[in-house]
Structures are given as C-alpha cells and as structure tokens.
C-alpha cells in the first residue's frame, strides 16, 4: 500500500508521496526544471506520440510552458507534477491532471517518462498515485486518459492502473509533428467507484 501524504486539495496542489516516488511542482524559474522539460519534449519517443499545441524547441519555450501550467494550477484548472525518485530526488518524468471540470467532476490525465527512467514502471506508479489523489482528495468522479492509436505501452499503463478502455475517438489528436492532420485516440477512464487496482503485480514491462 502506498503511503500517500497530502494537504488540502486547495491550491496550490499538494505534493504526493508513494510507490517510491515524490510528485512535486515544476518550477519555471529553475534552470534544471526548464532543461528537463525541454529534454522530455525533445525525446523522439515523446514526439512520436505527442504533438503539443505549442512546440517546445528551446529553454525559453520550456519556461513559457511551465509558467502557463503554474498559472493554470493557480486557477484550479490543472495539477502538474514533476515525478521524482523518492530517495535520490532525481527527476524521472511528468504527470498532469488537466482540463479539470469541477462542475461535471471530470478531468484528463497525461504523463511522460524520461528515456533513462523507462523500464522501471515509473508511469504506472505515478499514474496510480495521481489517480488515487484525483478521485479522492480532489473529489473527481471521473478521470480520463487518451493516447494515440497504436501506443501499446501507454495502453498497458492505463489498464494496469484501472483505466478501462471505453472506445476509439476518431481524428481526436494531431498526427506526429503535424497540426494539419489528425489520428485516432484510444479513450480510457476510471471513476471513483472503481476498485483500487493492484498496480505492482508482475506483468509485461511498462515505463
């Protein structure tokens, strides 16, 4: 069982601790955080499966992206976490809860893992930790997860964390590296009444 310590869900959102991870806020004024954000978005595997609305091609772009997320968090529209190893403090990746609708009690979650941290179930552990917080302390009823059709690794992460496959959304996200063409998306979701998954059971390797 993860040891999850938290404060009130009031802004700013809390740090999350569990499954050997510490999830904390990104800092746009930190050179290290900006460089890590840029490196994550420059990774070929990230670019294969994600096309951000605004490209991140240099440190200035990275800082702008982090500042935008800080403002959105202050407004209560998203919660963005830097995923770090609980013991060493080394950054492993990112997970965010965005598009938070407090009226309909729904949001969307997304994540990425740095190349050197893959194969250690970082995404599974971070998603399990974040989903539990979002569906309890944050008070959401539904948390959605979408990934590009064909991204089997992300599919396994979602399923292992209790996000059921609900269907395919046609033309719901940009093609890799393009903003004039679209591709299909697998939609997964988990609701507050779903049972807590046993995320650390043995199984196929995932990030």
N, C-alpha and C. Protein backbone atom coordinates (compact mmCIF):
# COMPACT_ATOMS: atom_id res chain seq x y z
N UNK A 1 0.85 -1.19 0.00
CA UNK A 1 0.00 0.00 0.00
C UNK A 1 0.88 1.24 0.00
N UNK A 2 0.57 2.18 -0.86
CA UNK A 2 1.36 3.41 -0.93
C UNK A 2 1.09 4.27 0.29
N UNK A 3 2.11 4.93 0.77
CA UNK A 3 1.97 5.89 1.86
C UNK A 3 1.76 7.25 1.23
N UNK A 4 0.50 7.70 1.16
CA UNK A 4 0.19 8.96 0.48
C UNK A 4 -0.06 10.03 1.53
N UNK A 5 0.82 11.02 1.57
CA UNK A 5 0.66 12.13 2.48
C UNK A 5 0.26 13.35 1.66
N UNK A 6 -0.68 14.09 2.14
CA UNK A 6 -1.19 15.21 1.36
C UNK A 6 -1.71 16.30 2.28
N UNK A 7 -1.94 17.46 1.71
CA UNK A 7 -2.61 18.54 2.40
C UNK A 7 -3.97 18.71 1.75
N UNK A 8 -4.63 19.82 2.02
CA UNK A 8 -5.92 20.09 1.40
C UNK A 8 -5.77 20.20 -0.10
N UNK A 9 -6.82 19.82 -0.88
CA UNK A 9 -6.73 19.99 -2.32
C UNK A 9 -6.80 21.44 -2.76
N UNK A 10 -6.94 22.37 -1.83
CA UNK A 10 -6.95 23.78 -2.19
C UNK A 10 -5.62 24.13 -2.84
N UNK A 11 -5.65 25.10 -3.74
CA UNK A 11 -4.45 25.50 -4.45
C UNK A 11 -3.45 26.18 -3.50
N UNK A 12 -2.12 26.04 -3.72
CA UNK A 12 -1.55 25.16 -4.74
C UNK A 12 -1.73 23.69 -4.39
N UNK A 13 -1.75 22.86 -5.39
CA UNK A 13 -2.00 21.45 -5.15
C UNK A 13 -0.83 20.83 -4.37
N UNK A 14 -1.11 19.76 -3.62
CA UNK A 14 -0.09 19.20 -2.72
C UNK A 14 0.95 18.37 -3.44
N UNK A 15 2.04 18.08 -2.72
CA UNK A 15 2.94 17.04 -3.16
C UNK A 15 2.29 15.69 -2.86
N UNK A 16 2.64 14.69 -3.67
CA UNK A 16 2.15 13.34 -3.45
C UNK A 16 3.34 12.42 -3.23
N UNK A 17 3.20 11.48 -2.30
CA UNK A 17 4.28 10.56 -1.95
C UNK A 17 3.73 9.14 -1.93
N UNK A 18 4.43 8.22 -2.57
CA UNK A 18 4.04 6.82 -2.53
C UNK A 18 4.68 6.04 -3.66
N UNK A 19 4.66 4.72 -3.55
CA UNK A 19 5.21 3.82 -4.57
C UNK A 19 6.66 4.18 -4.93
N UNK A 20 7.41 4.70 -3.95
CA UNK A 20 8.81 5.05 -4.20
C UNK A 20 9.01 6.34 -4.95
N UNK A 21 7.94 7.15 -5.08
CA UNK A 21 8.01 8.39 -5.84
C UNK A 21 7.64 9.59 -4.97
N UNK A 22 8.12 10.73 -5.39
CA UNK A 22 7.68 12.02 -4.85
C UNK A 22 7.23 12.86 -6.04
N UNK A 23 5.98 13.30 -6.02
CA UNK A 23 5.43 14.14 -7.08
C UNK A 23 5.33 15.56 -6.56
N UNK A 24 6.07 16.46 -7.20
CA UNK A 24 6.14 17.85 -6.71
C UNK A 24 5.93 18.81 -7.87
N UNK A 25 5.88 20.08 -7.57
CA UNK A 25 5.62 21.10 -8.59
C UNK A 25 6.86 21.36 -9.44
N UNK A 26 6.63 21.66 -10.72
CA UNK A 26 7.68 22.17 -11.58
C UNK A 26 7.92 23.64 -11.23
N UNK A 27 9.14 24.10 -11.43
CA UNK A 27 9.50 25.49 -11.14
C UNK A 27 10.04 26.14 -12.41
N UNK A 28 9.26 27.07 -12.98
CA UNK A 28 9.66 27.72 -14.23
C UNK A 28 10.93 28.54 -14.08
N UNK A 29 11.26 28.94 -12.85
CA UNK A 29 12.47 29.74 -12.62
C UNK A 29 13.72 28.88 -12.41
N UNK A 30 13.54 27.57 -12.39
CA UNK A 30 14.67 26.67 -12.19
C UNK A 30 15.29 26.30 -13.54
N UNK A 31 16.59 26.54 -13.68
CA UNK A 31 17.28 26.15 -14.91
C UNK A 31 17.19 24.64 -15.13
N UNK A 32 17.32 23.88 -14.05
CA UNK A 32 17.29 22.42 -14.17
C UNK A 32 15.91 21.95 -14.62
N UNK A 33 14.84 22.53 -14.06
CA UNK A 33 13.49 22.11 -14.43
C UNK A 33 13.21 22.45 -15.89
N UNK A 34 13.60 23.64 -16.31
CA UNK A 34 13.37 24.04 -17.70
C UNK A 34 14.14 23.13 -18.66
N UNK A 35 15.39 22.81 -18.31
CA UNK A 35 16.20 21.94 -19.17
C UNK A 35 15.60 20.54 -19.23
N UNK A 36 15.08 20.04 -18.12
CA UNK A 36 14.47 18.71 -18.11
C UNK A 36 13.19 18.70 -18.93
N UNK A 37 12.38 19.74 -18.81
CA UNK A 37 11.15 19.83 -19.61
C UNK A 37 11.48 19.83 -21.11
N UNK A 38 12.50 20.60 -21.48
CA UNK A 38 12.92 20.65 -22.88
C UNK A 38 13.41 19.28 -23.34
N UNK A 39 14.19 18.61 -22.50
CA UNK A 39 14.72 17.30 -22.87
C UNK A 39 13.59 16.29 -23.03
N UNK A 40 12.61 16.35 -22.14
CA UNK A 40 11.49 15.43 -22.27
C UNK A 40 10.71 15.63 -23.56
N UNK A 41 10.50 16.88 -23.94
CA UNK A 41 9.73 17.16 -25.15
C UNK A 41 10.55 16.97 -26.42
N UNK A 42 11.88 16.93 -26.29
CA UNK A 42 12.75 16.71 -27.46
C UNK A 42 12.98 15.24 -27.74
N UNK A 43 12.59 14.37 -26.84
CA UNK A 43 12.80 12.94 -26.99
C UNK A 43 12.02 12.41 -28.18
N UNK A 44 12.64 11.65 -29.07
CA UNK A 44 11.94 11.14 -30.26
C UNK A 44 10.71 10.31 -29.94
N UNK A 45 10.75 9.54 -28.84
CA UNK A 45 9.59 8.74 -28.49
C UNK A 45 8.43 9.62 -28.04
N UNK A 46 8.72 10.68 -27.30
CA UNK A 46 7.68 11.64 -26.93
C UNK A 46 7.06 12.25 -28.19
N UNK A 47 7.92 12.68 -29.11
CA UNK A 47 7.43 13.34 -30.32
C UNK A 47 6.66 12.41 -31.23
N UNK A 48 6.94 11.13 -31.14
CA UNK A 48 6.20 10.15 -31.95
C UNK A 48 4.74 10.09 -31.54
N UNK A 49 4.48 10.24 -30.24
CA UNK A 49 3.13 10.03 -29.73
C UNK A 49 2.42 11.30 -29.28
N UNK A 50 3.13 12.42 -29.27
CA UNK A 50 2.56 13.68 -28.77
C UNK A 50 2.92 14.83 -29.68
N UNK A 51 1.95 15.71 -29.93
CA UNK A 51 2.19 16.94 -30.67
C UNK A 51 1.57 18.08 -29.88
N UNK A 52 2.34 18.74 -29.01
CA UNK A 52 1.78 19.83 -28.20
C UNK A 52 1.24 20.96 -29.06
N UNK A 53 0.27 21.68 -28.52
CA UNK A 53 -0.30 22.82 -29.26
C UNK A 53 0.78 23.84 -29.57
N UNK A 54 1.69 24.05 -28.63
CA UNK A 54 2.81 24.97 -28.85
C UNK A 54 4.12 24.20 -28.73
N UNK A 55 4.91 24.14 -29.79
CA UNK A 55 6.16 23.37 -29.74
C UNK A 55 7.11 23.90 -28.66
N UNK A 56 7.89 22.98 -28.09
CA UNK A 56 8.92 23.33 -27.12
C UNK A 56 10.26 23.00 -27.77
N UNK A 57 10.93 24.04 -28.26
CA UNK A 57 12.17 23.82 -29.03
C UNK A 57 13.40 24.41 -28.36
N UNK A 58 13.23 25.22 -27.32
CA UNK A 58 14.37 25.79 -26.61
C UNK A 58 13.98 26.07 -25.17
N UNK A 59 14.94 26.57 -24.40
CA UNK A 59 14.69 26.79 -22.98
C UNK A 59 13.62 27.85 -22.74
N UNK A 60 13.55 28.85 -23.61
CA UNK A 60 12.52 29.88 -23.46
C UNK A 60 11.13 29.27 -23.62
N UNK A 61 10.99 28.38 -24.60
CA UNK A 61 9.70 27.68 -24.77
C UNK A 61 9.36 26.85 -23.53
N UNK A 62 10.38 26.19 -22.99
CA UNK A 62 10.15 25.35 -21.82
C UNK A 62 9.68 26.19 -20.63
N UNK A 63 10.33 27.33 -20.42
CA UNK A 63 9.92 28.20 -19.32
C UNK A 63 8.50 28.71 -19.53
N UNK A 64 8.17 29.09 -20.77
CA UNK A 64 6.82 29.58 -21.06
C UNK A 64 5.79 28.49 -20.77
N UNK A 65 6.09 27.25 -21.15
CA UNK A 65 5.17 26.15 -20.93
C UNK A 65 4.97 25.91 -19.43
N UNK A 66 6.06 25.96 -18.67
CA UNK A 66 5.94 25.75 -17.23
C UNK A 66 5.19 26.89 -16.55
N UNK A 67 5.42 28.12 -17.00
CA UNK A 67 4.69 29.26 -16.41
C UNK A 67 3.21 29.17 -16.72
N UNK A 68 2.87 28.75 -17.92
CA UNK A 68 1.45 28.57 -18.27
C UNK A 68 0.81 27.55 -17.34
N UNK A 69 1.52 26.47 -17.07
CA UNK A 69 0.98 25.45 -16.18
C UNK A 69 0.87 25.94 -14.75
N UNK A 70 1.81 26.78 -14.32
CA UNK A 70 1.72 27.36 -12.98
C UNK A 70 0.46 28.23 -12.86
N UNK A 71 0.20 29.03 -13.87
CA UNK A 71 -0.99 29.89 -13.84
C UNK A 71 -2.26 29.05 -13.85
N UNK A 72 -2.28 28.00 -14.66
CA UNK A 72 -3.46 27.13 -14.73
C UNK A 72 -3.70 26.43 -13.40
N UNK A 73 -2.61 26.06 -12.72
CA UNK A 73 -2.75 25.42 -11.42
C UNK A 73 -3.31 26.40 -10.40
N UNK A 74 -2.85 27.64 -10.45
CA UNK A 74 -3.36 28.66 -9.53
C UNK A 74 -4.85 28.90 -9.75
N UNK A 75 -5.30 28.76 -11.00
CA UNK A 75 -6.72 28.94 -11.32
C UNK A 75 -7.55 27.69 -11.01
N UNK A 76 -6.88 26.60 -10.66
CA UNK A 76 -7.59 25.36 -10.36
C UNK A 76 -7.93 24.53 -11.57
N UNK A 77 -7.34 24.87 -12.73
CA UNK A 77 -7.67 24.16 -13.96
C UNK A 77 -6.81 22.93 -14.22
N UNK A 78 -5.69 22.82 -13.52
CA UNK A 78 -4.81 21.67 -13.74
C UNK A 78 -3.91 21.48 -12.52
N UNK A 79 -3.35 20.30 -12.42
CA UNK A 79 -2.34 20.00 -11.41
C UNK A 79 -1.20 19.29 -12.13
N UNK A 80 -0.02 19.90 -12.12
CA UNK A 80 1.12 19.39 -12.86
C UNK A 80 2.21 18.95 -11.89
N UNK A 81 2.74 17.76 -12.08
CA UNK A 81 3.71 17.21 -11.14
C UNK A 81 5.00 16.78 -11.85
N UNK A 82 6.13 17.14 -11.22
CA UNK A 82 7.42 16.60 -11.62
C UNK A 82 7.59 15.29 -10.86
N UNK A 83 7.76 14.21 -11.59
CA UNK A 83 7.89 12.88 -10.98
C UNK A 83 9.35 12.65 -10.62
N UNK A 84 9.63 12.42 -9.35
CA UNK A 84 11.00 12.22 -8.91
C UNK A 84 11.12 10.94 -8.09
N UNK A 85 12.32 10.40 -8.04
CA UNK A 85 12.60 9.26 -7.17
C UNK A 85 12.59 9.73 -5.73
N UNK A 86 11.87 9.02 -4.88
CA UNK A 86 11.69 9.47 -3.50
C UNK A 86 13.00 9.53 -2.73
N UNK A 87 13.94 8.66 -3.04
CA UNK A 87 15.19 8.62 -2.29
C UNK A 87 16.24 9.58 -2.85
N UNK A 88 16.45 9.54 -4.15
CA UNK A 88 17.53 10.33 -4.75
C UNK A 88 17.10 11.73 -5.15
N UNK A 89 15.81 11.94 -5.37
CA UNK A 89 15.32 13.23 -5.85
C UNK A 89 15.51 13.44 -7.34
N UNK A 90 16.03 12.46 -8.04
CA UNK A 90 16.25 12.58 -9.49
C UNK A 90 14.91 12.64 -10.22
N UNK A 91 14.82 13.56 -11.18
CA UNK A 91 13.60 13.68 -11.97
C UNK A 91 13.48 12.52 -12.95
N UNK A 92 12.29 11.90 -12.98
CA UNK A 92 12.04 10.73 -13.83
C UNK A 92 11.06 11.02 -14.96
N UNK A 93 10.24 12.04 -14.79
CA UNK A 93 9.24 12.34 -15.82
C UNK A 93 8.22 13.34 -15.33
N UNK A 94 7.04 13.27 -15.92
CA UNK A 94 5.98 14.25 -15.65
C UNK A 94 4.63 13.55 -15.65
N UNK A 95 3.72 14.05 -14.82
CA UNK A 95 2.31 13.63 -14.89
C UNK A 95 1.46 14.84 -14.56
N UNK A 96 0.37 15.00 -15.29
CA UNK A 96 -0.50 16.14 -15.06
C UNK A 96 -1.96 15.76 -15.13
N UNK A 97 -2.76 16.41 -14.30
CA UNK A 97 -4.22 16.32 -14.37
C UNK A 97 -4.71 17.65 -14.93
N UNK A 98 -5.28 17.62 -16.13
CA UNK A 98 -5.68 18.85 -16.79
C UNK A 98 -7.15 18.87 -17.15
N UNK A 99 -7.57 20.01 -17.67
CA UNK A 99 -8.96 20.20 -18.08
C UNK A 99 -9.92 19.84 -16.95
N UNK A 100 -9.58 20.27 -15.73
CA UNK A 100 -10.39 19.93 -14.57
C UNK A 100 -11.72 20.68 -14.63
N UNK A 101 -12.80 19.94 -14.65
CA UNK A 101 -14.15 20.49 -14.64
C UNK A 101 -14.77 20.16 -13.29
N UNK A 102 -14.83 21.16 -12.41
CA UNK A 102 -15.33 20.92 -11.06
C UNK A 102 -16.84 20.77 -11.02
N UNK A 103 -17.53 21.19 -12.08
CA UNK A 103 -18.98 21.04 -12.14
C UNK A 103 -19.35 19.60 -12.51
N UNK A 104 -18.77 19.11 -13.61
CA UNK A 104 -19.02 17.74 -14.03
C UNK A 104 -18.14 16.72 -13.31
N UNK A 105 -17.19 17.21 -12.53
CA UNK A 105 -16.31 16.36 -11.73
C UNK A 105 -15.51 15.40 -12.60
N UNK A 106 -14.87 15.95 -13.64
CA UNK A 106 -14.10 15.15 -14.58
C UNK A 106 -12.82 15.89 -14.96
N UNK A 107 -11.78 15.14 -15.31
CA UNK A 107 -10.52 15.73 -15.77
C UNK A 107 -9.82 14.72 -16.64
N UNK A 108 -8.69 15.14 -17.24
CA UNK A 108 -7.89 14.24 -18.08
C UNK A 108 -6.47 14.17 -17.53
N UNK A 109 -5.87 13.01 -17.64
CA UNK A 109 -4.52 12.81 -17.12
C UNK A 109 -3.58 12.42 -18.26
N UNK A 110 -2.36 12.92 -18.20
CA UNK A 110 -1.34 12.58 -19.18
C UNK A 110 0.02 12.51 -18.50
N UNK A 111 0.97 11.83 -19.14
CA UNK A 111 2.26 11.61 -18.50
C UNK A 111 3.32 11.34 -19.55
N UNK A 112 4.58 11.52 -19.18
CA UNK A 112 5.70 11.06 -19.98
C UNK A 112 6.87 10.73 -19.03
N UNK A 113 7.74 9.86 -19.52
CA UNK A 113 8.87 9.38 -18.72
C UNK A 113 10.16 9.63 -19.51
N UNK A 114 11.17 10.12 -18.83
CA UNK A 114 12.46 10.35 -19.49
C UNK A 114 13.07 9.02 -19.94
N UNK A 115 13.84 9.04 -21.04
CA UNK A 115 14.37 7.78 -21.60
C UNK A 115 15.13 6.93 -20.60
N UNK A 116 15.96 7.57 -19.76
CA UNK A 116 16.79 6.78 -18.85
C UNK A 116 16.00 6.17 -17.70
N UNK A 117 14.75 6.60 -17.51
CA UNK A 117 13.93 6.09 -16.41
C UNK A 117 12.94 5.02 -16.86
N UNK A 118 12.92 4.71 -18.15
CA UNK A 118 11.94 3.74 -18.64
C UNK A 118 12.32 2.32 -18.22
N UNK A 119 11.30 1.46 -18.16
CA UNK A 119 11.51 0.09 -17.75
C UNK A 119 11.45 -0.12 -16.25
N UNK A 120 11.12 0.93 -15.50
CA UNK A 120 11.06 0.85 -14.04
C UNK A 120 9.64 1.09 -13.52
N UNK A 121 8.65 1.02 -14.41
CA UNK A 121 7.24 1.22 -14.05
C UNK A 121 6.99 2.60 -13.44
N UNK A 122 7.74 3.59 -13.89
CA UNK A 122 7.55 4.94 -13.38
C UNK A 122 6.16 5.45 -13.72
N UNK A 123 5.73 5.25 -14.97
CA UNK A 123 4.41 5.75 -15.39
C UNK A 123 3.30 5.06 -14.61
N UNK A 124 3.42 3.75 -14.41
CA UNK A 124 2.41 3.01 -13.66
C UNK A 124 2.33 3.53 -12.23
N UNK A 125 3.47 3.67 -11.59
CA UNK A 125 3.47 4.12 -10.19
C UNK A 125 2.95 5.55 -10.05
N UNK A 126 3.37 6.42 -10.98
CA UNK A 126 2.93 7.82 -10.93
C UNK A 126 1.44 7.93 -11.21
N UNK A 127 0.95 7.16 -12.19
CA UNK A 127 -0.47 7.22 -12.52
C UNK A 127 -1.32 6.68 -11.39
N UNK A 128 -0.90 5.59 -10.77
CA UNK A 128 -1.65 5.04 -9.64
C UNK A 128 -1.75 6.05 -8.50
N UNK A 129 -0.65 6.71 -8.22
CA UNK A 129 -0.61 7.70 -7.14
C UNK A 129 -1.49 8.90 -7.46
N UNK A 130 -1.38 9.40 -8.67
CA UNK A 130 -2.13 10.58 -9.07
C UNK A 130 -3.62 10.30 -9.17
N UNK A 131 -3.98 9.15 -9.74
CA UNK A 131 -5.39 8.81 -9.89
C UNK A 131 -6.06 8.68 -8.53
N UNK A 132 -5.37 8.04 -7.59
CA UNK A 132 -5.96 7.88 -6.26
C UNK A 132 -6.23 9.24 -5.63
N UNK A 133 -5.30 10.17 -5.76
CA UNK A 133 -5.49 11.52 -5.22
C UNK A 133 -6.63 12.24 -5.93
N UNK A 134 -6.65 12.18 -7.27
CA UNK A 134 -7.66 12.90 -8.03
C UNK A 134 -9.08 12.41 -7.74
N UNK A 135 -9.20 11.10 -7.53
CA UNK A 135 -10.54 10.51 -7.33
C UNK A 135 -10.95 10.46 -5.86
N UNK A 136 -10.08 10.95 -4.99
CA UNK A 136 -10.45 11.01 -3.56
C UNK A 136 -10.35 12.45 -3.08
N UNK A 137 -9.15 12.92 -2.80
CA UNK A 137 -8.98 14.25 -2.21
C UNK A 137 -9.42 15.38 -3.14
N UNK A 138 -9.12 15.26 -4.42
CA UNK A 138 -9.55 16.31 -5.36
C UNK A 138 -11.05 16.24 -5.60
N UNK A 139 -11.64 15.10 -5.33
CA UNK A 139 -13.09 14.97 -5.40
C UNK A 139 -13.67 14.72 -6.77
N UNK A 140 -12.83 14.26 -7.72
CA UNK A 140 -13.35 13.97 -9.05
C UNK A 140 -14.13 12.67 -9.06
N UNK A 141 -15.11 12.58 -9.93
CA UNK A 141 -15.84 11.34 -10.14
C UNK A 141 -15.25 10.54 -11.29
N UNK A 142 -14.65 11.23 -12.26
CA UNK A 142 -14.17 10.55 -13.47
C UNK A 142 -12.84 11.14 -13.90
N UNK A 143 -11.91 10.27 -14.25
CA UNK A 143 -10.60 10.68 -14.75
C UNK A 143 -10.36 9.96 -16.07
N UNK A 144 -10.14 10.75 -17.13
CA UNK A 144 -9.98 10.19 -18.47
C UNK A 144 -8.52 10.19 -18.89
N UNK A 145 -8.19 9.25 -19.76
CA UNK A 145 -6.83 9.12 -20.29
C UNK A 145 -6.95 8.76 -21.77
N UNK A 146 -6.32 9.56 -22.62
CA UNK A 146 -6.34 9.28 -24.05
C UNK A 146 -4.93 9.13 -24.59
N UNK A 147 -4.73 8.17 -25.51
CA UNK A 147 -3.42 8.01 -26.14
C UNK A 147 -3.61 7.68 -27.62
N UNK A 148 -2.63 8.00 -28.41
CA UNK A 148 -2.71 7.74 -29.84
C UNK A 148 -2.89 6.26 -30.12
N UNK A 149 -3.72 5.96 -31.10
CA UNK A 149 -3.93 4.57 -31.51
C UNK A 149 -2.58 3.96 -31.90
N UNK A 150 -2.30 2.78 -31.37
CA UNK A 150 -1.03 2.11 -31.64
C UNK A 150 -0.01 2.25 -30.54
N UNK A 151 -0.28 3.12 -29.58
CA UNK A 151 0.67 3.30 -28.47
C UNK A 151 0.39 2.23 -27.41
N UNK A 152 0.85 1.03 -27.66
CA UNK A 152 0.52 -0.12 -26.83
C UNK A 152 1.09 0.00 -25.41
N UNK A 153 2.24 0.64 -25.27
CA UNK A 153 2.83 0.79 -23.94
C UNK A 153 1.92 1.62 -23.06
N UNK A 154 1.43 2.75 -23.60
CA UNK A 154 0.53 3.59 -22.82
C UNK A 154 -0.78 2.87 -22.53
N UNK A 155 -1.21 2.03 -23.45
CA UNK A 155 -2.42 1.24 -23.24
C UNK A 155 -2.25 0.32 -22.03
N UNK A 156 -1.08 -0.32 -21.91
CA UNK A 156 -0.84 -1.22 -20.79
C UNK A 156 -0.75 -0.46 -19.47
N UNK A 157 -0.16 0.72 -19.51
CA UNK A 157 -0.09 1.55 -18.30
C UNK A 157 -1.50 1.87 -17.82
N UNK A 158 -2.35 2.32 -18.75
CA UNK A 158 -3.72 2.68 -18.39
C UNK A 158 -4.47 1.50 -17.80
N UNK A 159 -4.40 0.35 -18.46
CA UNK A 159 -5.15 -0.81 -18.00
C UNK A 159 -4.65 -1.30 -16.65
N UNK A 160 -3.34 -1.27 -16.45
CA UNK A 160 -2.79 -1.73 -15.17
C UNK A 160 -3.23 -0.84 -14.02
N UNK A 161 -3.51 0.42 -14.32
CA UNK A 161 -3.93 1.36 -13.27
C UNK A 161 -5.45 1.48 -13.17
N UNK A 162 -6.17 0.55 -13.80
CA UNK A 162 -7.61 0.52 -13.64
C UNK A 162 -8.39 1.42 -14.57
N UNK A 163 -7.74 1.94 -15.61
CA UNK A 163 -8.42 2.78 -16.59
C UNK A 163 -8.95 1.89 -17.71
N UNK A 164 -10.25 1.67 -17.71
CA UNK A 164 -10.85 0.78 -18.69
C UNK A 164 -10.89 1.42 -20.08
N UNK A 165 -10.69 0.58 -21.08
CA UNK A 165 -10.82 1.04 -22.46
C UNK A 165 -12.30 1.26 -22.75
N UNK A 166 -12.65 2.45 -23.24
CA UNK A 166 -14.05 2.79 -23.48
C UNK A 166 -14.39 2.99 -24.96
N UNK A 167 -13.38 3.10 -25.82
CA UNK A 167 -13.68 3.25 -27.23
C UNK A 167 -12.60 4.03 -27.95
N UNK A 168 -12.80 4.22 -29.24
CA UNK A 168 -11.85 4.94 -30.08
C UNK A 168 -12.47 6.24 -30.55
N UNK A 169 -11.76 7.34 -30.31
CA UNK A 169 -12.19 8.66 -30.76
C UNK A 169 -11.54 8.94 -32.10
N UNK A 170 -12.33 9.11 -33.12
CA UNK A 170 -11.79 9.30 -34.47
C UNK A 170 -11.25 10.72 -34.65
N UNK A 171 -10.01 10.79 -35.19
CA UNK A 171 -9.41 12.08 -35.51
C UNK A 171 -9.36 13.04 -34.33
N UNK A 172 -9.02 12.53 -33.15
CA UNK A 172 -9.11 13.35 -31.93
C UNK A 172 -7.80 13.98 -31.49
N UNK A 173 -6.70 13.68 -32.18
CA UNK A 173 -5.44 14.34 -31.84
C UNK A 173 -4.59 14.50 -33.08
N UNK A 174 -3.61 15.40 -32.99
CA UNK A 174 -2.73 15.67 -34.13
C UNK A 174 -1.88 14.45 -34.47
N UNK A 175 -1.59 14.30 -35.74
CA UNK A 175 -0.56 13.36 -36.17
C UNK A 175 0.79 13.83 -35.64
N UNK A 176 1.74 12.93 -35.55
CA UNK A 176 3.06 13.26 -35.04
C UNK A 176 3.69 14.39 -35.86
N UNK A 177 4.06 15.47 -35.19
CA UNK A 177 4.76 16.57 -35.83
C UNK A 177 3.92 17.41 -36.78
N UNK A 178 2.60 17.23 -36.77
CA UNK A 178 1.74 17.98 -37.69
C UNK A 178 0.57 18.59 -36.94
N UNK A 179 0.07 19.70 -37.49
CA UNK A 179 -1.12 20.33 -36.95
C UNK A 179 -2.18 20.54 -38.03
N UNK A 180 -1.99 19.81 -39.13
CA UNK A 180 -2.96 19.87 -40.23
C UNK A 180 -3.50 18.48 -40.58
N UNK A 181 -3.18 17.50 -39.73
CA UNK A 181 -3.67 16.13 -39.93
C UNK A 181 -3.93 15.51 -38.56
N UNK A 182 -4.84 14.55 -38.54
CA UNK A 182 -5.30 14.02 -37.26
C UNK A 182 -5.24 12.49 -37.24
N UNK A 183 -5.21 11.94 -36.04
CA UNK A 183 -5.21 10.49 -35.86
C UNK A 183 -6.17 10.10 -34.74
N UNK A 184 -6.48 8.81 -34.69
CA UNK A 184 -7.45 8.31 -33.72
C UNK A 184 -6.82 8.16 -32.34
N UNK A 185 -7.67 8.15 -31.34
CA UNK A 185 -7.25 8.08 -29.94
C UNK A 185 -8.01 6.98 -29.22
N UNK A 186 -7.31 6.19 -28.44
CA UNK A 186 -7.95 5.25 -27.52
C UNK A 186 -8.34 6.02 -26.27
N UNK A 187 -9.60 5.91 -25.86
CA UNK A 187 -10.07 6.56 -24.65
C UNK A 187 -10.19 5.53 -23.53
N UNK A 188 -9.53 5.81 -22.42
CA UNK A 188 -9.65 5.02 -21.20
C UNK A 188 -10.20 5.93 -20.11
N UNK A 189 -10.81 5.34 -19.10
CA UNK A 189 -11.30 6.15 -17.98
C UNK A 189 -11.42 5.30 -16.73
N UNK A 190 -11.35 5.99 -15.61
CA UNK A 190 -11.57 5.37 -14.31
C UNK A 190 -12.49 6.28 -13.52
N UNK A 191 -13.43 5.71 -12.79
CA UNK A 191 -14.33 6.51 -11.97
C UNK A 191 -14.11 6.19 -10.50
N UNK A 192 -14.60 7.06 -9.65
CA UNK A 192 -14.28 6.98 -8.23
C UNK A 192 -14.74 5.67 -7.59
N UNK A 193 -15.81 5.08 -8.11
CA UNK A 193 -16.33 3.85 -7.53
C UNK A 193 -15.63 2.59 -8.03
N UNK A 194 -14.71 2.73 -8.99
CA UNK A 194 -13.97 1.56 -9.47
C UNK A 194 -13.05 1.04 -8.37
N UNK A 195 -12.81 -0.27 -8.33
CA UNK A 195 -11.91 -0.81 -7.30
C UNK A 195 -10.47 -0.37 -7.51
N UNK A 196 -9.75 -0.25 -6.43
CA UNK A 196 -8.33 0.12 -6.49
C UNK A 196 -7.54 -1.03 -7.13
N UNK A 197 -6.78 -0.77 -8.20
CA UNK A 197 -6.04 -1.85 -8.86
C UNK A 197 -4.78 -2.23 -8.10
N UNK A 198 -4.34 -3.47 -8.29
CA UNK A 198 -3.07 -3.94 -7.72
C UNK A 198 -1.98 -3.64 -8.73
N UNK A 199 -1.50 -2.41 -8.75
CA UNK A 199 -0.66 -1.94 -9.86
C UNK A 199 0.73 -2.53 -9.88
N UNK A 200 1.23 -3.04 -8.77
CA UNK A 200 2.60 -3.51 -8.74
C UNK A 200 2.72 -5.01 -8.90
N UNK A 201 1.62 -5.66 -9.34
CA UNK A 201 1.70 -7.09 -9.60
C UNK A 201 2.62 -7.35 -10.81
N UNK A 202 3.23 -8.53 -10.90
CA UNK A 202 4.09 -8.85 -12.05
C UNK A 202 3.32 -8.81 -13.35
N UNK A 203 4.01 -8.44 -14.43
CA UNK A 203 3.35 -8.38 -15.73
C UNK A 203 4.32 -7.88 -16.78
N UNK A 204 3.85 -7.64 -18.02
CA UNK A 204 4.71 -7.15 -19.09
C UNK A 204 5.35 -5.83 -18.72
N UNK A 205 6.56 -5.62 -19.19
CA UNK A 205 7.30 -4.40 -18.86
C UNK A 205 6.57 -3.19 -19.40
N UNK A 206 6.47 -2.14 -18.57
CA UNK A 206 5.91 -0.86 -18.96
C UNK A 206 6.80 0.21 -18.38
N UNK A 207 6.68 1.48 -18.87
CA UNK A 207 7.58 2.54 -18.37
C UNK A 207 7.44 2.78 -16.88
